[in-house]
Amino acid sequence: MLRPLIGISGNCFDTCPAPLRSGVNDAYIRAVTDAGGTPFILPYTDDTEAVENMISHLDGLLLSDRKSTRLNS
């Protein structure tokens, strides 16, 4: 039986002058694996189509913290 694929929202890290990086603390990955899931880090992006495509393949979603989500006004 396949383990559920759980997306974890990636945070954006400013590593200037290098390009931006997406990632999460290891605790989120361990929490998903300890619960029997397969973690998948979702990169930080403004590409709505890419986000919708990634999310459509997931069995669940874990928002890693408030900094990784943006609400449109």
Protein backbone atom coordinates (compact mmCIF):
# COMPACT_ATOMS: atom_id res chain seq x y z
CA MET A 1 0.00 0.00 0.00
CA LEU A 2 1.27 3.45 -0.89
CA ARG A 3 1.85 5.94 1.87
CA PRO A 4 -0.16 9.17 1.54
CA LEU A 5 1.69 12.02 -0.17
CA ILE A 6 1.65 15.05 2.13
CA GLY A 7 2.67 18.44 0.81
CA ILE A 8 4.50 20.79 3.17
CA SER A 9 4.47 24.47 2.27
CA GLY A 10 8.04 25.65 1.77
CA ASN A 11 9.32 28.86 3.27
CA CYS A 12 11.30 31.37 1.26
CA PHE A 13 14.81 32.03 2.50
CA ASP A 14 16.68 35.10 1.28
CA THR A 15 20.26 33.99 0.71
CA CYS A 16 21.45 37.13 -1.07
CA PRO A 17 23.31 37.50 -3.29
CA ALA A 18 22.48 33.90 -4.21
CA PRO A 19 18.99 32.99 -5.50
CA LEU A 20 16.07 32.53 -3.11
CA ARG A 21 15.67 29.08 -1.55
CA SER A 22 12.59 27.14 -0.46
CA GLY A 23 12.66 24.74 2.47
CA VAL A 24 11.22 23.65 5.81
CA ASN A 25 12.50 22.70 9.22
CA ASP A 26 13.24 18.99 9.57
CA ALA A 27 10.59 18.70 12.30
CA TYR A 28 7.83 19.00 9.68
CA ILE A 29 9.36 16.22 7.58
CA ARG A 30 9.75 13.96 10.62
CA ALA A 31 6.17 14.65 11.73
CA VAL A 32 4.82 13.55 8.33
CA THR A 33 7.01 10.43 8.15
CA ASP A 34 6.28 9.50 11.78
CA ALA A 35 2.57 9.70 10.97
CA GLY A 36 3.04 7.29 8.05
CA GLY A 37 3.09 9.80 5.20
CA THR A 38 5.54 10.69 2.47
CA PRO A 39 6.59 14.35 2.72
CA PHE A 40 6.76 16.54 -0.37
CA ILE A 41 8.11 20.09 0.05
CA LEU A 42 6.16 22.58 -2.05
CA PRO A 43 8.44 25.32 -3.38
CA TYR A 44 7.64 28.95 -2.68
CA THR A 45 6.19 30.34 -5.93
CA ASP A 46 3.71 32.85 -7.31
CA ASP A 47 2.87 30.50 -10.21
CA THR A 48 -0.77 29.65 -9.46
CA GLU A 49 -0.99 27.01 -12.19
CA ALA A 50 2.08 25.20 -10.83
CA VAL A 51 0.69 25.29 -7.29
CA GLU A 52 -2.68 23.92 -8.42
CA ASN A 53 -0.91 21.13 -10.33
CA MET A 54 1.23 20.15 -7.33
CA ILE A 55 -1.68 20.24 -4.88
CA SER A 56 -3.88 18.12 -7.18
CA HIS A 57 -1.46 15.20 -6.66
CA LEU A 58 -1.41 15.41 -2.85
CA ASP A 59 -3.36 13.41 -0.29
CA GLY A 60 -2.91 16.12 2.34
CA LEU A 61 -1.35 19.51 2.98
CA LEU A 62 0.61 20.82 5.96
CA LEU A 63 1.11 24.59 6.18
CA SER A 64 4.49 24.94 7.82
CA ASP A 65 3.93 28.40 9.32
CA ARG A 66 2.17 31.71 8.78
CA LYS A 67 5.12 33.18 6.84
CA SER A 68 4.69 30.60 4.07
CA THR A 69 1.14 31.61 3.17
CA ARG A 70 -0.02 34.75 1.42
CA LEU A 71 -3.60 35.93 1.38
CA ASN A 72 -4.81 37.94 -1.59
CA SER A 73 -6.83 41.01 -0.63
